[in-house]
Amino acid sequence: MLAIVVAAWTTGTAVRQRRLYTEQLAAQAEERARAEAAEERLRIARELRDVIGHSLSTIAVQAGAERHVGGAEEQRR
């Protein structure tokens, strides 16, 4: 009878440990996925900032050149 109780207790402990281990792995995978998603959002935001910054700089240079050269009518002449 004692052997049956010990075997049941050992089996229950092993199952519990395995379940906890599986839950920890799932939590780690979820956290890793969140971190990767945040990293990707940050990369996209940086890329977007660079593209917008370049576009605004180009607009500013073109506007400055137009002021220096003159309006569209003067450029045609």
PDB file of N, CA and C in Angstrom:
ATOM      1  N   MET A   1       0.830  -1.188   0.000  1.00  0.00           N
ATOM      2  CA  MET A   1       0.000   0.000   0.000  1.00  0.00           C
ATOM      3  C   MET A   1       0.883   1.264   0.000  1.00  0.00           C
ATOM      4  N   LEU A   2       1.938   1.243   0.775  1.00  0.00           N
ATOM      5  CA  LEU A   2       2.862   2.382   0.841  1.00  0.00           C
ATOM      6  C   LEU A   2       3.525   2.616  -0.523  1.00  0.00           C
ATOM      7  N   ALA A   3       3.856   1.530  -1.197  1.00  0.00           N
ATOM      8  CA  ALA A   3       4.491   1.642  -2.512  1.00  0.00           C
ATOM      9  C   ALA A   3       3.541   2.304  -3.514  1.00  0.00           C
ATOM     10  N   ILE A   4       2.267   1.991  -3.413  1.00  0.00           N
ATOM     11  CA  ILE A   4       1.280   2.585  -4.321  1.00  0.00           C
ATOM     12  C   ILE A   4       1.147   4.085  -4.048  1.00  0.00           C
ATOM     13  N   VAL A   5       1.120   4.454  -2.772  1.00  0.00           N
ATOM     14  CA  VAL A   5       1.012   5.869  -2.388  1.00  0.00           C
ATOM     15  C   VAL A   5       2.248   6.631  -2.859  1.00  0.00           C
ATOM     16  N   VAL A   6       3.419   6.057  -2.646  1.00  0.00           N
ATOM     17  CA  VAL A   6       4.667   6.711  -3.062  1.00  0.00           C
ATOM     18  C   VAL A   6       4.708   6.837  -4.588  1.00  0.00           C
ATOM     19  N   ALA A   7       4.304   5.824  -5.304  1.00  0.00           N
ATOM     20  CA  ALA A   7       4.288   5.864  -6.768  1.00  0.00           C
ATOM     21  C   ALA A   7       3.303   6.920  -7.267  1.00  0.00           C
ATOM     22  N   ALA A   8       2.137   7.003  -6.645  1.00  0.00           N
ATOM     23  CA  ALA A   8       1.136   8.001  -7.035  1.00  0.00           C
ATOM     24  C   ALA A   8       1.655   9.410  -6.752  1.00  0.00           C
ATOM     25  N   TRP A   9       2.269   9.579  -5.593  1.00  0.00           N
ATOM     26  CA  TRP A   9       2.822  10.887  -5.221  1.00  0.00           C
ATOM     27  C   TRP A   9       3.946  11.290  -6.192  1.00  0.00           C
ATOM     28  N   THR A  10       4.808  10.372  -6.519  1.00  0.00           N
ATOM     29  CA  THR A  10       5.919  10.632  -7.438  1.00  0.00           C
ATOM     30  C   THR A  10       5.396  10.978  -8.826  1.00  0.00           C
ATOM     31  N   THR A  11       4.401  10.234  -9.290  1.00  0.00           N
ATOM     32  CA  THR A  11       3.806  10.503 -10.596  1.00  0.00           C
ATOM     33  C   THR A  11       3.146  11.881 -10.602  1.00  0.00           C
ATOM     34  N   GLY A  12       2.402  12.208  -9.557  1.00  0.00           N
ATOM     35  CA  GLY A  12       1.743  13.514  -9.448  1.00  0.00           C
ATOM     36  C   GLY A  12       2.757  14.645  -9.443  1.00  0.00           C
ATOM     37  N   THR A  13       3.852  14.469  -8.709  1.00  0.00           N
ATOM     38  CA  THR A  13       4.899  15.486  -8.655  1.00  0.00           C
ATOM     39  C   THR A  13       5.549  15.666 -10.029  1.00  0.00           C
ATOM     40  N   ALA A  14       5.809  14.573 -10.702  1.00  0.00           N
ATOM     41  CA  ALA A  14       6.421  14.646 -12.032  1.00  0.00           C
ATOM     42  C   ALA A  14       5.496  15.341 -13.024  1.00  0.00           C
ATOM     43  N   VAL A  15       4.214  15.023 -12.968  1.00  0.00           N
ATOM     44  CA  VAL A  15       3.246  15.653 -13.869  1.00  0.00           C
ATOM     45  C   VAL A  15       3.160  17.147 -13.570  1.00  0.00           C
ATOM     46  N   ARG A  16       3.120  17.525 -12.296  1.00  0.00           N
ATOM     47  CA  ARG A  16       3.044  18.927 -11.899  1.00  0.00           C
ATOM     48  C   ARG A  16       4.283  19.691 -12.377  1.00  0.00           C
ATOM     49  N   GLN A  17       5.457  19.098 -12.186  1.00  0.00           N
ATOM     50  CA  GLN A  17       6.699  19.741 -12.619  1.00  0.00           C
ATOM     51  C   GLN A  17       6.714  19.939 -14.138  1.00  0.00           C
ATOM     52  N   ARG A  18       6.268  18.917 -14.846  1.00  0.00           N
ATOM     53  CA  ARG A  18       6.229  18.997 -16.304  1.00  0.00           C
ATOM     54  C   ARG A  18       5.263  20.079 -16.754  1.00  0.00           C
ATOM     55  N   ARG A  19       4.108  20.191 -16.106  1.00  0.00           N
ATOM     56  CA  ARG A  19       3.118  21.212 -16.441  1.00  0.00           C
ATOM     57  C   ARG A  19       3.689  22.611 -16.178  1.00  0.00           C
ATOM     58  N   LEU A  20       4.345  22.797 -15.044  1.00  0.00           N
ATOM     59  CA  LEU A  20       4.955  24.091 -14.730  1.00  0.00           C
ATOM     60  C   LEU A  20       6.030  24.456 -15.750  1.00  0.00           C
ATOM     61  N   TYR A  21       6.826  23.471 -16.119  1.00  0.00           N
ATOM     62  CA  TYR A  21       7.879  23.689 -17.101  1.00  0.00           C
ATOM     63  C   TYR A  21       7.287  24.111 -18.453  1.00  0.00           C
ATOM     64  N   THR A  22       6.226  23.435 -18.865  1.00  0.00           N
ATOM     65  CA  THR A  22       5.556  23.756 -20.124  1.00  0.00           C
ATOM     66  C   THR A  22       4.954  25.157 -20.073  1.00  0.00           C
ATOM     67  N   GLU A  23       4.356  25.539 -18.951  1.00  0.00           N
ATOM     68  CA  GLU A  23       3.784  26.874 -18.804  1.00  0.00           C
ATOM     69  C   GLU A  23       4.877  27.939 -18.858  1.00  0.00           C
ATOM     70  N   GLN A  24       6.021  27.657 -18.231  1.00  0.00           N
ATOM     71  CA  GLN A  24       7.131  28.607 -18.264  1.00  0.00           C
ATOM     72  C   GLN A  24       7.653  28.790 -19.685  1.00  0.00           C
ATOM     73  N   LEU A  25       7.761  27.690 -20.423  1.00  0.00           N
ATOM     74  CA  LEU A  25       8.205  27.786 -21.810  1.00  0.00           C
ATOM     75  C   LEU A  25       7.234  28.608 -22.645  1.00  0.00           C
ATOM     76  N   ALA A  26       5.942  28.407 -22.429  1.00  0.00           N
ATOM     77  CA  ALA A  26       4.932  29.164 -23.171  1.00  0.00           C
ATOM     78  C   ALA A  26       5.013  30.653 -22.821  1.00  0.00           C
ATOM     79  N   ALA A  27       5.212  30.963 -21.546  1.00  0.00           N
ATOM     80  CA  ALA A  27       5.325  32.357 -21.119  1.00  0.00           C
ATOM     81  C   ALA A  27       6.574  33.005 -21.721  1.00  0.00           C
ATOM     82  N   GLN A  28       7.663  32.273 -21.752  1.00  0.00           N
ATOM     83  CA  GLN A  28       8.893  32.801 -22.342  1.00  0.00           C
ATOM     84  C   GLN A  28       8.721  33.035 -23.845  1.00  0.00           C
ATOM     85  N   ALA A  29       8.060  32.126 -24.520  1.00  0.00           N
ATOM     86  CA  ALA A  29       7.822  32.285 -25.954  1.00  0.00           C
ATOM     87  C   ALA A  29       6.933  33.500 -26.220  1.00  0.00           C
ATOM     88  N   GLU A  30       5.920  33.690 -25.386  1.00  0.00           N
ATOM     89  CA  GLU A  30       5.032  34.839 -25.538  1.00  0.00           C
ATOM     90  C   GLU A  30       5.792  36.145 -25.303  1.00  0.00           C
ATOM     91  N   GLU A  31       6.625  36.173 -24.279  1.00  0.00           N
ATOM     92  CA  GLU A  31       7.421  37.360 -23.976  1.00  0.00           C
ATOM     93  C   GLU A  31       8.403  37.649 -25.114  1.00  0.00           C
ATOM     94  N   ARG A  32       9.004  36.611 -25.660  1.00  0.00           N
ATOM     95  CA  ARG A  32       9.922  36.773 -26.783  1.00  0.00           C
ATOM     96  C   ARG A  32       9.185  37.335 -27.998  1.00  0.00           C
ATOM     97  N   ALA A  33       7.975  36.853 -28.244  1.00  0.00           N
ATOM     98  CA  ALA A  33       7.176  37.349 -29.366  1.00  0.00           C
ATOM     99  C   ALA A  33       6.822  38.821 -29.166  1.00  0.00           C
ATOM    100  N   ARG A  34       6.477  39.203 -27.950  1.00  0.00           N
ATOM    101  CA  ARG A  34       6.172  40.614 -27.661  1.00  0.00           C
ATOM    102  C   ARG A  34       7.399  41.487 -27.888  1.00  0.00           C
ATOM    103  N   ALA A  35       8.556  41.015 -27.420  1.00  0.00           N
ATOM    104  CA  ALA A  35       9.797  41.780 -27.586  1.00  0.00           C
ATOM    105  C   ALA A  35      10.147  41.934 -29.062  1.00  0.00           C
ATOM    106  N   GLU A  36       9.976  40.880 -29.840  1.00  0.00           N
ATOM    107  CA  GLU A  36      10.269  40.947 -31.267  1.00  0.00           C
ATOM    108  C   GLU A  36       9.303  41.898 -31.972  1.00  0.00           C
ATOM    109  N   ALA A  37       8.037  41.885 -31.574  1.00  0.00           N
ATOM    110  CA  ALA A  37       7.055  42.795 -32.172  1.00  0.00           C
ATOM    111  C   ALA A  37       7.398  44.248 -31.833  1.00  0.00           C
ATOM    112  N   ALA A  38       7.796  44.494 -30.591  1.00  0.00           N
ATOM    113  CA  ALA A  38       8.180  45.851 -30.190  1.00  0.00           C
ATOM    114  C   ALA A  38       9.425  46.301 -30.950  1.00  0.00           C
ATOM    115  N   GLU A  39      10.361  45.411 -31.139  1.00  0.00           N
ATOM    116  CA  GLU A  39      11.571  45.710 -31.897  1.00  0.00           C
ATOM    117  C   GLU A  39      11.236  46.057 -33.347  1.00  0.00           C
ATOM    118  N   GLU A  40      10.330  45.306 -33.927  1.00  0.00           N
ATOM    119  CA  GLU A  40       9.921  45.550 -35.314  1.00  0.00           C
ATOM    120  C   GLU A  40       9.201  46.890 -35.440  1.00  0.00           C
ATOM    121  N   ARG A  41       8.326  47.204 -34.469  1.00  0.00           N
ATOM    122  CA  ARG A  41       7.642  48.499 -34.493  1.00  0.00           C
ATOM    123  C   ARG A  41       8.647  49.642 -34.391  1.00  0.00           C
ATOM    124  N   LEU A  42       9.652  49.477 -33.540  1.00  0.00           N
ATOM    125  CA  LEU A  42      10.678  50.500 -33.381  1.00  0.00           C
ATOM    126  C   LEU A  42      11.481  50.665 -34.670  1.00  0.00           C
ATOM    127  N   ARG A  43      11.816  49.561 -35.322  1.00  0.00           N
ATOM    128  CA  ARG A  43      12.559  49.625 -36.587  1.00  0.00           C
ATOM    129  C   ARG A  43      11.750  50.360 -37.650  1.00  0.00           C
ATOM    130  N   ILE A  44      10.450  50.043 -37.727  1.00  0.00           N
ATOM    131  CA  ILE A  44       9.580  50.697 -38.708  1.00  0.00           C
ATOM    132  C   ILE A  44       9.459  52.188 -38.397  1.00  0.00           C
ATOM    133  N   ALA A  45       9.330  52.540 -37.130  1.00  0.00           N
ATOM    134  CA  ALA A  45       9.219  53.952 -36.740  1.00  0.00           C
ATOM    135  C   ALA A  45      10.492  54.708 -37.108  1.00  0.00           C
ATOM    136  N   ARG A  46      11.638  54.105 -36.881  1.00  0.00           N
ATOM    137  CA  ARG A  46      12.904  54.764 -37.245  1.00  0.00           C
ATOM    138  C   ARG A  46      13.001  54.953 -38.754  1.00  0.00           C
ATOM    139  N   GLU A  47      12.630  53.927 -39.488  1.00  0.00           N
ATOM    140  CA  GLU A  47      12.675  53.999 -40.951  1.00  0.00           C
ATOM    141  C   GLU A  47      11.730  55.090 -41.450  1.00  0.00           C
ATOM    142  N   LEU A  48      10.540  55.143 -40.895  1.00  0.00           N
ATOM    143  CA  LEU A  48       9.563  56.158 -41.284  1.00  0.00           C
ATOM    144  C   LEU A  48      10.081  57.559 -40.964  1.00  0.00           C
ATOM    145  N   ARG A  49      10.690  57.715 -39.800  1.00  0.00           N
ATOM    146  CA  ARG A  49      11.255  59.010 -39.414  1.00  0.00           C
ATOM    147  C   ARG A  49      12.339  59.432 -40.399  1.00  0.00           C
ATOM    148  N   ASP A  50      13.187  58.484 -40.799  1.00  0.00           N
ATOM    149  CA  ASP A  50      14.249  58.795 -41.756  1.00  0.00           C
ATOM    150  C   ASP A  50      13.678  59.215 -43.109  1.00  0.00           C
ATOM    151  N   VAL A  51      12.677  58.495 -43.577  1.00  0.00           N
ATOM    152  CA  VAL A  51      12.077  58.814 -44.878  1.00  0.00           C
ATOM    153  C   VAL A  51      11.401  60.178 -44.831  1.00  0.00           C
ATOM    154  N   ILE A  52      10.643  60.434 -43.785  1.00  0.00           N
ATOM    155  CA  ILE A  52       9.955  61.729 -43.661  1.00  0.00           C
ATOM    156  C   ILE A  52      10.972  62.857 -43.516  1.00  0.00           C
ATOM    157  N   GLY A  53      12.009  62.625 -42.718  1.00  0.00           N
ATOM    158  CA  GLY A  53      13.052  63.644 -42.556  1.00  0.00           C
ATOM    159  C   GLY A  53      13.720  63.970 -43.878  1.00  0.00           C
ATOM    160  N   HIS A  54      14.016  62.958 -44.658  1.00  0.00           N
ATOM    161  CA  HIS A  54      14.638  63.187 -45.964  1.00  0.00           C
ATOM    162  C   HIS A  54      13.695  63.960 -46.882  1.00  0.00           C
ATOM    163  N   SER A  55      12.430  63.582 -46.891  1.00  0.00           N
ATOM    164  CA  SER A  55      11.448  64.268 -47.735  1.00  0.00           C
ATOM    165  C   SER A  55      11.312  65.736 -47.336  1.00  0.00           C
ATOM    166  N   LEU A  56      11.255  66.006 -46.038  1.00  0.00           N
ATOM    167  CA  LEU A  56      11.143  67.391 -45.580  1.00  0.00           C
ATOM    168  C   LEU A  56      12.394  68.184 -45.916  1.00  0.00           C
ATOM    169  N   SER A  57      13.542  67.566 -45.809  1.00  0.00           N
ATOM    170  CA  SER A  57      14.787  68.249 -46.173  1.00  0.00           C
ATOM    171  C   SER A  57      14.801  68.587 -47.654  1.00  0.00           C
ATOM    172  N   THR A  58      14.346  67.667 -48.473  1.00  0.00           N
ATOM    173  CA  THR A  58      14.277  67.907 -49.915  1.00  0.00           C
ATOM    174  C   THR A  58      13.327  69.056 -50.224  1.00  0.00           C
ATOM    175  N   ILE A  59      12.186  69.079 -49.549  1.00  0.00           N
ATOM    176  CA  ILE A  59      11.220  70.169 -49.747  1.00  0.00           C
ATOM    177  C   ILE A  59      11.840  71.505 -49.346  1.00  0.00           C
ATOM    178  N   ALA A  60      12.553  71.517 -48.217  1.00  0.00           N
ATOM    179  CA  ALA A  60      13.173  72.750 -47.747  1.00  0.00           C
ATOM    180  C   ALA A  60      14.236  73.236 -48.731  1.00  0.00           C
ATOM    181  N   VAL A  61      15.040  72.325 -49.267  1.00  0.00           N
ATOM    182  CA  VAL A  61      16.065  72.710 -50.236  1.00  0.00           C
ATOM    183  C   VAL A  61      15.419  73.247 -51.505  1.00  0.00           C
ATOM    184  N   GLN A  62      14.376  72.579 -51.978  1.00  0.00           N
ATOM    185  CA  GLN A  62      13.696  73.045 -53.189  1.00  0.00           C
ATOM    186  C   GLN A  62      13.044  74.403 -52.976  1.00  0.00           C
ATOM    187  N   ALA A  63      12.464  74.607 -51.802  1.00  0.00           N
ATOM    188  CA  ALA A  63      11.837  75.899 -51.505  1.00  0.00           C
ATOM    189  C   ALA A  63      12.902  76.991 -51.428  1.00  0.00           C
ATOM    190  N   GLY A  64      14.027  76.671 -50.830  1.00  0.00           N
ATOM    191  CA  GLY A  64      15.117  77.647 -50.767  1.00  0.00           C
ATOM    192  C   GLY A  64      15.661  77.967 -52.140  1.00  0.00           C
ATOM    193  N   ALA A  65      15.782  76.968 -52.981  1.00  0.00           N
ATOM    194  CA  ALA A  65      16.269  77.193 -54.347  1.00  0.00           C
ATOM    195  C   ALA A  65      15.288  78.040 -55.131  1.00  0.00           C
ATOM    196  N   GLU A  66      14.011  77.819 -54.925  1.00  0.00           N
ATOM    197  CA  GLU A  66      13.003  78.609 -55.632  1.00  0.00           C
ATOM    198  C   GLU A  66      13.078  80.072 -55.210  1.00  0.00           C
ATOM    199  N   ARG A  67      13.287  80.317 -53.920  1.00  0.00           N
ATOM    200  CA  ARG A  67      13.428  81.695 -53.442  1.00  0.00           C
ATOM    201  C   ARG A  67      14.669  82.350 -54.047  1.00  0.00           C
ATOM    202  N   HIS A  68      15.710  81.572 -54.173  1.00  0.00           N
ATOM    203  CA  HIS A  68      16.967  82.102 -54.701  1.00  0.00           C
ATOM    204  C   HIS A  68      16.868  82.361 -56.210  1.00  0.00           C
ATOM    205  N   VAL A  69      16.295  81.406 -56.926  1.00  0.00           N
ATOM    206  CA  VAL A  69      16.204  81.508 -58.381  1.00  0.00           C
ATOM    207  C   VAL A  69      15.030  82.388 -58.788  1.00  0.00           C
ATOM    208  N   GLY A  70      13.957  82.283 -58.060  1.00  0.00           N
ATOM    209  CA  GLY A  70      12.777  83.066 -58.390  1.00  0.00           C
ATOM    210  C   GLY A  70      11.587  82.160 -58.583  1.00  0.00           C
ATOM    211  N   GLY A  71      10.486  82.755 -58.979  1.00  0.00           N
ATOM    212  CA  GLY A  71       9.256  82.009 -59.167  1.00  0.00           C
ATOM    213  C   GLY A  71       9.269  81.193 -60.445  1.00  0.00           C
ATOM    214  N   ALA A  72       8.182  80.526 -60.721  1.00  0.00           N
ATOM    215  CA  ALA A  72       8.059  79.649 -61.887  1.00  0.00           C
ATOM    216  C   ALA A  72       8.137  80.437 -63.177  1.00  0.00           C
ATOM    217  N   GLU A  73       7.571  81.631 -63.198  1.00  0.00           N
ATOM    218  CA  GLU A  73       7.601  82.458 -64.416  1.00  0.00           C
ATOM    219  C   GLU A  73       9.039  82.854 -64.748  1.00  0.00           C
ATOM    220  N   GLU A  74       9.792  83.223 -63.754  1.00  0.00           N
ATOM    221  CA  GLU A  74      11.180  83.635 -63.982  1.00  0.00           C
ATOM    222  C   GLU A  74      12.034  82.446 -64.436  1.00  0.00           C
ATOM    223  N   GLN A  75      11.717  81.270 -63.937  1.00  0.00           N
ATOM    224  CA  GLN A  75      12.472  80.094 -64.325  1.00  0.00           C
ATOM    225  C   GLN A  75      12.210  79.744 -65.774  1.00  0.00           C
ATOM    226  N   ARG A  76      11.012  79.914 -66.238  1.00  0.00           N
ATOM    227  CA  ARG A  76      10.677  79.620 -67.628  1.00  0.00           C
ATOM    228  C   ARG A  76      11.428  80.545 -68.586  1.00  0.00           C
ATOM    229  N   ARG A  77      11.598  81.794 -68.189  1.00  0.00           N
ATOM    230  CA  ARG A  77      12.297  82.778 -69.015  1.00  0.00           C
ATOM    231  C   ARG A  77      13.745  82.419 -69.085  1.00  0.00           C
TER     232      ARG A  77
END
